[in-house]
Amino acid sequence: MGRTLATVLVVVLIILAALFFLIRKPSIAAVETPGASSFSAEQVERGRVLAGIGNCATCHTVNEDDPYAGGREFPTGFGSLYATNITPHPEDGIGNWSREAFVRSMREGVARDGSYLYPAFPYTHFKNLTDEDLDALYAYLMTREPVAYTPPENALHFPFNLRFLQWGWQLLFFSRDPLQPDPQQSDDWNRGAYLAEGAGHCTACHSPRNAFGAEKKDKAYAGALVDNWYAPALNTEQPVPVHWDSDTLYDYLREGQTDYQGVAVGSMGEVVHQGLERAPDSDIRAIAIYLASLAGPEEADGVDRQAGQIIEAAHERTDGDRGYGENVYMAACAACHYNAADNPIALRAELSLNSAVTAADPTNLLRVLLQGIPANEGTPGVVMPDFARLDNRDIVELAQFLRKRADRPAWDGLEKRLEELRQQTGTAAPHQGGSQ
């Protein structure tokens, strides 16, 4: 018995030692911060565009005066993560990271010191970037203003705070193989796929995740709730009655609005108006072509006619006996949002076509109602006031009327979700009862 136990112990120790050497990643030596003259102006500008497409500044900035200094909190089901300082500060940022260390973090999810990075940092997408684009990003970040700031420590629950467990996560959910061009598709489609699945990491928001926080590959672009905004489905399940095509997606990504599907606000507003602002039209067009293909082949014509028919049907649903929700709509919404069936205008977002109304999740509509849309979001120069002063019954009845008007089933649990969002956004109801 003693010899058997000793043998088992030796085997266990050998396995643990093997796992230690398998899991352990070596640190990469620190370097002097590269001088700005190490990089060409063209390389830095290319990196600036890629950082915009990746929306890096939004995730890594809390104080606008200190861009890329980190500190933004990302609450998860495992606890809170805080974005790191990626300015070239030698102690607090990545100023002493070599190109080798930077590329390893982007492609393997491992920091310079050998510690594993959590996949909230989307290295699962950045591994698709070419050497040239990673060089450009490195050049751009290393030429930013260094900021002496240490973000808060992550506050993850045990055992998720043990970084070495990310080795197992990667073993289960991470493929290091980069995206390959599809020879059956056009150059524009492949360019769009490269940007959307690489720097843009679009599925990171628009795809649901499993219990371990990994994207569900079989549900890519099926929609998900992220940062208390709903990123709607972009595949064949997309909820908008008039599906996105390459032209409407281009308008949305370039200008933040379309005639049919709605206006970019919240997290998506940041992507459009801050991230994609410097991207060339050719790249925006390529992303639009790729994303539009997710819904199937585009129709050659008939989109305007289809939209007109939907708007006409929505008008008919408001011609009957007015209920509570319709009265709220007529008083609060109709003056700004009415559209003629033959001429919908983006500045008057048509609510029977709008993605916030037709989505499976009511979060976006409720947040816009509670917080409005300021002049620096959505359509430039156009303001939507908030309606937080309406009580819960007003907002719930209005939301359900808009769903009925758009020929969609009623949302379940609407008042509960409204209360959650009131607490999270600090928009308490003035009173209960009803304003009529």
Protein backbone atom coordinates (compact mmCIF):
# COMPACT_ATOMS: atom_id res chain seq x y z
CA MET A 1 0.00 0.00 0.00
CA GLY A 2 2.85 2.37 0.86
CA ARG A 3 4.58 1.78 -2.46
CA THR A 4 1.28 2.38 -4.29
CA LEU A 5 0.67 5.70 -2.52
CA ALA A 6 4.24 6.78 -3.19
CA THR A 7 3.85 5.95 -6.87
CA VAL A 8 0.60 7.91 -7.08
CA LEU A 9 2.22 10.88 -5.34
CA VAL A 10 5.16 10.84 -7.75
CA VAL A 11 2.81 10.70 -10.75
CA VAL A 12 0.76 13.59 -9.37
CA LEU A 13 3.91 15.65 -8.79
CA ILE A 14 5.12 14.93 -12.31
CA ILE A 15 1.76 15.98 -13.75
CA LEU A 16 1.74 19.19 -11.68
CA ALA A 17 5.29 20.00 -12.74
CA ALA A 18 4.41 19.38 -16.38
CA LEU A 19 1.34 21.60 -16.07
CA PHE A 20 3.42 24.32 -14.42
CA PHE A 21 5.89 24.42 -17.31
CA LEU A 22 3.06 24.11 -19.83
CA ILE A 23 0.99 26.90 -18.33
CA ARG A 24 3.82 29.24 -17.37
CA LYS A 25 4.65 31.99 -19.85
CA PRO A 26 8.04 33.67 -19.66
CA SER A 27 8.39 37.38 -19.08
CA ILE A 28 9.85 39.50 -21.86
CA ALA A 29 12.63 41.91 -20.94
CA ALA A 30 11.74 45.54 -20.45
CA VAL A 31 13.08 48.07 -22.94
CA GLU A 32 13.57 51.80 -23.06
CA THR A 33 10.51 53.59 -24.36
CA PRO A 34 10.95 53.97 -28.13
CA GLY A 35 11.32 57.57 -29.26
CA ALA A 36 8.75 59.11 -31.56
CA SER A 37 11.39 59.32 -34.28
CA SER A 38 11.45 55.51 -34.35
CA PHE A 39 8.20 55.53 -36.29
CA SER A 40 7.10 57.17 -39.51
CA ALA A 41 4.22 59.64 -39.61
CA GLU A 42 2.38 57.30 -42.00
CA GLN A 43 2.74 54.39 -39.60
CA VAL A 44 1.46 56.43 -36.66
CA GLU A 45 -1.53 57.66 -38.67
CA ARG A 46 -2.35 54.12 -39.76
CA GLY A 47 -2.26 53.10 -36.11
CA ARG A 48 -4.55 55.98 -35.19
CA VAL A 49 -7.16 54.74 -37.68
CA LEU A 50 -6.89 51.15 -36.44
CA ALA A 51 -7.17 52.26 -32.80
CA GLY A 52 -10.33 54.12 -33.80
CA ILE A 53 -11.82 51.09 -35.56
CA GLY A 54 -10.98 49.09 -32.43
CA ASN A 55 -12.55 51.79 -30.23
CA CYS A 56 -9.50 51.55 -27.97
CA ALA A 57 -9.86 55.01 -26.46
CA THR A 58 -13.40 54.39 -25.22
CA CYS A 59 -12.42 51.28 -23.28
CA HIS A 60 -9.13 52.63 -21.94
CA THR A 61 -10.19 56.16 -21.02
CA VAL A 62 -12.01 57.54 -17.99
CA ASN A 63 -10.72 61.11 -17.96
CA GLU A 64 -10.80 62.72 -21.42
CA ASP A 65 -7.74 64.75 -20.45
CA ASP A 66 -5.77 61.52 -20.01
CA PRO A 67 -6.65 59.33 -23.00
CA TYR A 68 -5.62 55.66 -22.89
CA ALA A 69 -4.69 55.88 -19.17
CA GLY A 70 -7.19 53.15 -18.25
CA GLY A 71 -9.38 52.83 -15.17
CA ARG A 72 -12.75 52.21 -16.80
CA GLU A 73 -14.74 49.60 -14.91
CA PHE A 74 -16.27 46.62 -16.68
CA PRO A 75 -18.74 44.83 -14.39
CA THR A 76 -19.13 41.12 -15.24
CA GLY A 77 -20.78 38.10 -13.68
CA PHE A 78 -17.34 37.19 -12.31
CA GLY A 79 -16.65 40.56 -10.68
CA SER A 80 -15.27 43.85 -11.99
CA LEU A 81 -12.40 44.35 -14.41
CA TYR A 82 -10.60 47.66 -14.90
CA ALA A 83 -9.03 48.75 -18.18
CA THR A 84 -5.26 49.04 -18.06
CA ASN A 85 -3.07 52.07 -18.76
CA ILE A 86 -1.79 51.67 -22.34
CA THR A 87 0.03 54.99 -22.59
CA PRO A 88 3.84 54.80 -22.98
CA HIS A 89 4.47 55.56 -19.31
CA PRO A 90 7.40 53.29 -18.33
CA GLU A 91 6.01 52.26 -14.92
CA ASP A 92 2.23 52.67 -15.07
CA GLY A 93 1.70 51.99 -18.77
CA ILE A 94 3.35 49.98 -21.52
CA GLY A 95 6.30 52.27 -22.18
CA ASN A 96 8.81 49.51 -21.36
CA TRP A 97 7.08 46.94 -23.59
CA SER A 98 9.00 45.84 -26.66
CA ARG A 99 7.25 45.21 -29.95
CA GLU A 100 7.59 41.48 -29.18
CA ALA A 101 5.77 41.88 -25.86
CA PHE A 102 3.04 44.01 -27.46
CA VAL A 103 2.45 41.53 -30.29
CA ARG A 104 2.29 38.62 -27.84
CA SER A 105 -0.38 40.38 -25.81
CA MET A 106 -2.42 41.09 -28.93
CA ARG A 107 -2.14 37.60 -30.39
CA GLU A 108 -1.87 35.35 -27.35
CA GLY A 109 -3.47 37.27 -24.48
CA VAL A 110 -0.29 37.28 -22.38
CA ALA A 111 1.20 40.41 -20.78
CA ARG A 112 4.88 41.38 -20.84
CA ASP A 113 5.44 39.86 -17.38
CA GLY A 114 4.00 36.52 -18.53
CA SER A 115 0.62 36.85 -16.80
CA TYR A 116 -2.52 35.88 -18.69
CA LEU A 117 -4.90 38.62 -19.81
CA TYR A 118 -8.65 38.29 -19.40
CA PRO A 119 -10.63 38.02 -22.65
CA ALA A 120 -12.52 41.23 -21.89
CA PHE A 121 -9.45 42.48 -23.75
CA PRO A 122 -10.41 41.11 -27.17
CA TYR A 123 -7.13 39.44 -28.12
CA THR A 124 -9.39 36.69 -29.47
CA HIS A 125 -10.02 39.14 -32.35
CA PHE A 126 -6.79 41.10 -32.41
CA LYS A 127 -4.91 37.89 -33.25
CA ASN A 128 -6.35 38.35 -36.76
CA LEU A 129 -4.33 41.53 -37.36
CA THR A 130 -1.39 41.50 -39.74
CA ASP A 131 2.18 42.25 -38.66
CA GLU A 132 2.00 45.61 -40.43
CA ASP A 133 -1.16 46.64 -38.60
CA LEU A 134 0.22 45.54 -35.22
CA ASP A 135 3.36 47.57 -35.94
CA ALA A 136 1.18 50.58 -36.71
CA LEU A 137 -0.81 50.21 -33.48
CA TYR A 138 2.40 49.88 -31.51
CA ALA A 139 3.76 53.02 -33.16
CA TYR A 140 0.58 54.96 -32.40
CA LEU A 141 0.37 53.96 -28.74
CA MET A 142 4.07 54.56 -28.14
CA THR A 143 3.72 58.12 -29.44
CA ARG A 144 0.85 59.08 -27.11
CA GLU A 145 1.35 61.29 -24.08
CA PRO A 146 2.55 59.11 -21.15
CA VAL A 147 0.22 59.31 -18.13
CA ALA A 148 1.32 58.49 -14.57
CA TYR A 149 -1.81 56.70 -13.39
CA THR A 150 -2.35 53.23 -11.95
CA PRO A 151 -5.89 51.93 -12.51
CA PRO A 152 -7.69 50.09 -9.69
CA GLU A 153 -6.96 46.41 -9.17
CA ASN A 154 -9.44 43.99 -10.67
CA ALA A 155 -12.10 42.85 -8.20
CA LEU A 156 -12.91 39.35 -9.42
CA HIS A 157 -14.48 36.61 -7.32
CA PHE A 158 -12.45 33.53 -6.41
CA PRO A 159 -11.32 31.50 -8.34
CA PHE A 160 -11.67 33.84 -11.35
CA ASN A 161 -9.01 36.12 -9.85
CA LEU A 162 -6.41 33.38 -10.48
CA ARG A 163 -4.98 34.41 -13.81
CA PHE A 164 -3.30 31.10 -14.57
CA LEU A 165 -6.77 29.55 -14.97
CA GLN A 166 -7.00 31.52 -18.22
CA TRP A 167 -4.76 28.83 -19.69
CA GLY A 168 -7.70 26.44 -19.39
CA TRP A 169 -10.08 29.04 -20.83
CA GLN A 170 -7.82 29.47 -23.83
CA LEU A 171 -7.53 25.71 -24.24
CA LEU A 172 -11.32 25.46 -24.43
CA PHE A 173 -12.30 28.57 -26.33
CA PHE A 174 -9.37 30.25 -28.08
CA SER A 175 -7.96 29.41 -31.50
CA ARG A 176 -4.72 31.13 -32.43
CA ASP A 177 -5.31 30.59 -36.14
CA PRO A 178 -5.83 33.97 -37.85
CA LEU A 179 -8.76 34.69 -40.12
CA GLN A 180 -8.13 33.70 -43.73
CA PRO A 181 -9.52 35.53 -46.81
CA ASP A 182 -12.41 33.84 -48.60
CA PRO A 183 -11.46 33.41 -52.29
CA GLN A 184 -15.16 33.19 -53.19
CA GLN A 185 -15.79 36.73 -51.95
CA SER A 186 -14.83 40.16 -53.28
CA ASP A 187 -11.85 42.18 -52.10
CA ASP A 188 -14.20 44.62 -50.36
CA TRP A 189 -15.98 41.77 -48.52
CA ASN A 190 -12.67 40.31 -47.36
CA ARG A 191 -11.41 43.70 -46.25
CA GLY A 192 -14.63 44.22 -44.30
CA ALA A 193 -14.37 40.77 -42.71
CA TYR A 194 -10.77 41.49 -41.69
CA LEU A 195 -11.73 44.79 -40.03
CA ALA A 196 -14.95 43.54 -38.41
CA GLU A 197 -13.47 40.29 -37.10
CA GLY A 198 -10.11 41.84 -36.25
CA ALA A 199 -9.65 45.39 -35.01
CA GLY A 200 -13.40 46.09 -34.89
CA HIS A 201 -14.16 42.91 -32.85
CA CYS A 202 -17.84 43.33 -33.71
CA THR A 203 -18.97 39.93 -32.43
CA ALA A 204 -17.60 40.80 -28.99
CA CYS A 205 -20.71 42.94 -28.49
CA HIS A 206 -23.18 41.49 -30.97
CA SER A 207 -22.89 37.82 -29.94
CA PRO A 208 -24.18 36.11 -26.78
CA ARG A 209 -21.70 34.45 -24.44
CA ASN A 210 -21.67 31.18 -22.56
CA ALA A 211 -21.34 30.63 -18.80
CA PHE A 212 -17.56 31.06 -19.05
CA GLY A 213 -17.76 34.40 -20.84
CA ALA A 214 -16.76 33.03 -24.26
CA GLU A 215 -18.62 34.03 -27.40
CA LYS A 216 -21.05 31.42 -28.68
CA LYS A 217 -19.59 30.75 -32.09
CA ASP A 218 -22.79 29.14 -33.34
CA LYS A 219 -24.68 32.31 -32.35
CA ALA A 220 -22.37 34.85 -33.95
CA TYR A 221 -24.10 38.21 -34.46
CA ALA A 222 -27.31 36.95 -32.81
CA GLY A 223 -27.46 39.96 -30.43
CA ALA A 224 -26.47 40.46 -26.79
CA LEU A 225 -26.83 42.81 -23.83
CA VAL A 226 -23.53 44.64 -23.25
CA ASP A 227 -22.77 47.46 -20.83
CA ASN A 228 -26.51 47.93 -20.33
CA TRP A 229 -27.12 48.52 -24.02
CA TYR A 230 -28.57 45.90 -26.34
CA ALA A 231 -26.38 45.13 -29.37
CA PRO A 232 -29.03 43.77 -31.78
CA ALA A 233 -28.72 40.79 -34.06
CA LEU A 234 -27.06 41.44 -37.40
CA ASN A 235 -27.48 37.95 -38.86
CA THR A 236 -30.63 36.55 -40.47
CA GLU A 237 -32.38 36.97 -37.09
CA GLN A 238 -32.00 40.76 -37.09
CA PRO A 239 -35.20 42.26 -35.68
CA VAL A 240 -35.63 45.29 -37.95
CA PRO A 241 -38.50 44.85 -40.45
CA VAL A 242 -36.37 46.38 -43.22
CA HIS A 243 -33.08 44.51 -43.05
CA TRP A 244 -29.79 46.33 -43.17
CA ASP A 245 -28.18 46.51 -46.60
CA SER A 246 -24.70 47.79 -47.45
CA ASP A 247 -25.96 51.32 -48.17
CA THR A 248 -27.90 51.74 -44.91
CA LEU A 249 -25.06 50.20 -42.92
CA TYR A 250 -22.61 52.56 -44.57
CA ASP A 251 -24.80 55.56 -43.67
CA TYR A 252 -25.15 54.31 -40.11
CA LEU A 253 -21.44 53.65 -39.58
CA ARG A 254 -20.38 56.87 -41.31
CA GLU A 255 -23.05 59.33 -40.12
CA GLY A 256 -24.74 57.54 -37.22
CA GLN A 257 -28.22 57.43 -38.75
CA THR A 258 -30.35 55.82 -41.44
CA ASP A 259 -33.78 56.48 -42.88
CA TYR A 260 -35.14 53.16 -41.65
CA GLN A 261 -33.30 51.44 -38.82
CA GLY A 262 -32.48 54.20 -36.36
CA VAL A 263 -29.76 56.34 -34.79
CA ALA A 264 -26.48 55.29 -33.16
CA VAL A 265 -26.55 56.16 -29.43
CA GLY A 266 -24.89 54.88 -26.28
CA SER A 267 -22.03 52.44 -26.85
CA MET A 268 -22.65 52.35 -30.60
CA GLY A 269 -22.70 56.13 -30.69
CA GLU A 270 -19.18 56.09 -29.24
CA VAL A 271 -18.07 53.62 -31.91
CA VAL A 272 -19.45 55.74 -34.76
CA HIS A 273 -18.68 59.26 -33.61
CA GLN A 274 -15.39 58.64 -31.80
CA GLY A 275 -13.99 55.36 -33.09
CA LEU A 276 -14.78 55.25 -36.79
CA GLU A 277 -14.46 58.98 -37.37
CA ARG A 278 -10.97 58.76 -38.93
CA ALA A 279 -11.54 55.57 -40.89
CA PRO A 280 -11.54 56.13 -44.66
CA ASP A 281 -14.76 55.76 -46.60
CA SER A 282 -13.38 52.67 -48.33
CA ASP A 283 -12.99 50.86 -45.00
CA ILE A 284 -16.45 51.91 -43.80
CA ARG A 285 -17.91 50.68 -47.09
CA ALA A 286 -16.03 47.38 -46.77
CA ILE A 287 -17.33 46.78 -43.23
CA ALA A 288 -20.85 47.60 -44.40
CA ILE A 289 -20.60 45.12 -47.28
CA TYR A 290 -19.40 42.35 -44.97
CA LEU A 291 -21.98 42.96 -42.22
CA ALA A 292 -24.82 43.26 -44.74
CA SER A 293 -23.93 39.81 -46.10
CA LEU A 294 -24.69 38.26 -42.71
CA ALA A 295 -28.41 38.72 -43.35
CA GLY A 296 -28.28 36.99 -46.73
CA PRO A 297 -28.32 38.37 -50.30
CA GLU A 298 -29.45 41.96 -50.69
CA GLU A 299 -32.62 42.72 -52.59
CA ALA A 300 -32.03 44.65 -55.78
CA ASP A 301 -35.01 46.92 -55.19
CA GLY A 302 -38.25 47.20 -53.28
CA VAL A 303 -36.80 48.39 -49.95
CA ASP A 304 -38.50 51.80 -50.13
CA ARG A 305 -41.80 50.18 -51.08
CA GLN A 306 -41.48 47.69 -48.23
CA ALA A 307 -40.77 50.48 -45.74
CA GLY A 308 -43.74 52.48 -47.01
CA GLN A 309 -46.08 49.55 -46.53
CA ILE A 310 -44.88 49.05 -42.96
CA ILE A 311 -45.36 52.73 -42.13
CA GLU A 312 -48.86 52.72 -43.64
CA ALA A 313 -49.77 49.68 -41.55
CA ALA A 314 -48.41 51.41 -38.44
CA HIS A 315 -50.55 54.46 -39.17
CA GLU A 316 -53.62 52.25 -39.42
CA ARG A 317 -52.90 50.80 -36.00
CA THR A 318 -53.16 54.31 -34.51
CA ASP A 319 -56.52 55.09 -36.13
CA GLY A 320 -58.69 53.05 -33.78
CA ASP A 321 -59.89 53.83 -30.30
CA ARG A 322 -57.05 55.42 -28.40
CA GLY A 323 -55.74 53.54 -25.42
CA TYR A 324 -53.49 54.82 -22.66
CA GLY A 325 -50.21 54.15 -24.48
CA GLU A 326 -51.40 55.76 -27.70
CA ASN A 327 -52.39 58.91 -25.84
CA VAL A 328 -48.88 59.13 -24.37
CA TYR A 329 -47.45 58.57 -27.86
CA MET A 330 -49.59 61.32 -29.39
CA ALA A 331 -48.62 63.75 -26.65
CA ALA A 332 -44.92 62.96 -26.36
CA CYS A 333 -43.71 61.38 -29.62
CA ALA A 334 -45.87 61.91 -32.68
CA ALA A 335 -44.94 65.55 -33.31
CA CYS A 336 -41.28 64.63 -33.87
CA HIS A 337 -41.54 61.06 -35.13
CA TYR A 338 -44.39 61.18 -37.64
CA ASN A 339 -43.36 60.11 -41.15
CA ALA A 340 -45.25 59.99 -44.40
CA ALA A 341 -45.21 56.46 -45.82
CA ASP A 342 -43.62 57.58 -49.08
CA ASN A 343 -40.92 59.78 -47.51
CA PRO A 344 -39.45 58.62 -44.18
CA ILE A 345 -36.76 61.00 -42.98
CA ALA A 346 -33.80 59.99 -40.81
CA LEU A 347 -34.16 63.13 -38.70
CA ARG A 348 -37.65 61.92 -37.71
CA ALA A 349 -36.71 58.34 -36.78
CA GLU A 350 -39.64 56.14 -37.88
CA LEU A 351 -40.53 54.12 -34.79
CA SER A 352 -42.34 51.33 -36.65
CA LEU A 353 -39.00 50.51 -38.33
CA ASN A 354 -36.66 51.46 -35.49
CA SER A 355 -34.31 48.82 -34.11
CA ALA A 356 -34.82 49.97 -30.51
CA VAL A 357 -38.56 49.28 -30.85
CA THR A 358 -38.34 46.05 -32.82
CA ALA A 359 -35.47 44.41 -30.86
CA ALA A 360 -36.08 41.39 -28.65
CA ASP A 361 -34.78 43.37 -25.65
CA PRO A 362 -36.39 46.68 -24.49
CA THR A 363 -33.21 48.13 -22.97
CA ASN A 364 -32.29 50.55 -25.76
CA LEU A 365 -35.77 52.05 -26.03
CA LEU A 366 -36.09 52.43 -22.26
CA ARG A 367 -32.66 54.02 -21.91
CA VAL A 368 -33.33 56.52 -24.66
CA LEU A 369 -36.69 57.40 -23.07
CA LEU A 370 -35.05 57.84 -19.66
CA GLN A 371 -31.92 59.67 -20.78
CA GLY A 372 -32.79 61.23 -24.14
CA ILE A 373 -30.17 61.86 -26.82
CA PRO A 374 -27.91 64.90 -26.32
CA ALA A 375 -26.59 67.01 -29.17
CA ASN A 376 -23.19 65.28 -29.17
CA GLU A 377 -24.75 61.84 -29.76
CA GLY A 378 -27.03 60.46 -32.44
CA THR A 379 -27.71 62.77 -35.37
CA PRO A 380 -25.36 65.78 -35.10
CA GLY A 381 -27.23 68.82 -33.84
CA VAL A 382 -30.51 66.99 -33.22
CA VAL A 383 -31.60 66.61 -29.61
CA MET A 384 -34.17 64.25 -28.14
CA PRO A 385 -35.31 65.27 -24.64
CA ASP A 386 -35.45 62.72 -21.88
CA PHE A 387 -38.81 61.51 -20.56
CA ALA A 388 -37.64 60.33 -17.14
CA ARG A 389 -40.25 62.62 -15.61
CA LEU A 390 -42.96 60.33 -16.97
CA ASP A 391 -44.00 57.77 -14.39
CA ASN A 392 -43.54 54.06 -14.88
CA ARG A 393 -47.05 53.43 -16.15
CA ASP A 394 -46.66 56.10 -18.84
CA ILE A 395 -43.39 54.62 -20.10
CA VAL A 396 -44.53 50.99 -19.94
CA GLU A 397 -47.80 51.71 -21.74
CA LEU A 398 -45.96 53.82 -24.34
CA ALA A 399 -43.38 51.12 -24.96
CA GLN A 400 -46.01 48.43 -25.37
CA PHE A 401 -48.01 50.64 -27.72
CA LEU A 402 -44.93 51.18 -29.86
CA ARG A 403 -44.41 47.42 -29.97
CA LYS A 404 -48.02 46.92 -31.07
CA ARG A 405 -47.70 49.69 -33.65
CA ALA A 406 -44.59 47.93 -35.04
CA ASP A 407 -46.52 44.64 -35.12
CA ARG A 408 -44.28 43.03 -32.51
CA PRO A 409 -45.33 40.95 -29.47
CA ALA A 410 -45.41 42.66 -26.08
CA TRP A 411 -42.20 42.62 -24.03
CA ASP A 412 -42.28 40.53 -20.85
CA GLY A 413 -41.01 41.93 -17.57
CA LEU A 414 -41.01 45.48 -18.89
CA GLU A 415 -41.72 47.30 -15.62
CA LYS A 416 -39.04 45.30 -13.80
CA ARG A 417 -36.47 46.17 -16.48
CA LEU A 418 -37.54 49.82 -16.34
CA GLU A 419 -36.98 49.92 -12.57
CA GLU A 420 -33.53 48.36 -12.98
CA LEU A 421 -32.55 50.97 -15.54
CA ARG A 422 -33.93 53.82 -13.44
CA GLN A 423 -31.67 52.73 -10.58
CA GLN A 424 -28.63 52.22 -12.81
CA THR A 425 -29.02 55.55 -14.61
CA GLY A 426 -30.15 57.60 -11.61
CA THR A 427 -33.50 58.53 -13.21
CA ALA A 428 -35.99 57.88 -10.43
CA ALA A 429 -39.71 58.00 -11.23
CA PRO A 430 -41.41 61.20 -10.02
CA HIS A 431 -44.43 59.33 -8.69
CA GLN A 432 -46.57 56.33 -9.52
CA GLY A 433 -50.02 56.33 -11.03
CA GLY A 434 -50.28 58.00 -14.44
CA SER A 435 -50.24 61.47 -15.88
CA GLN A 436 -53.62 61.44 -17.53
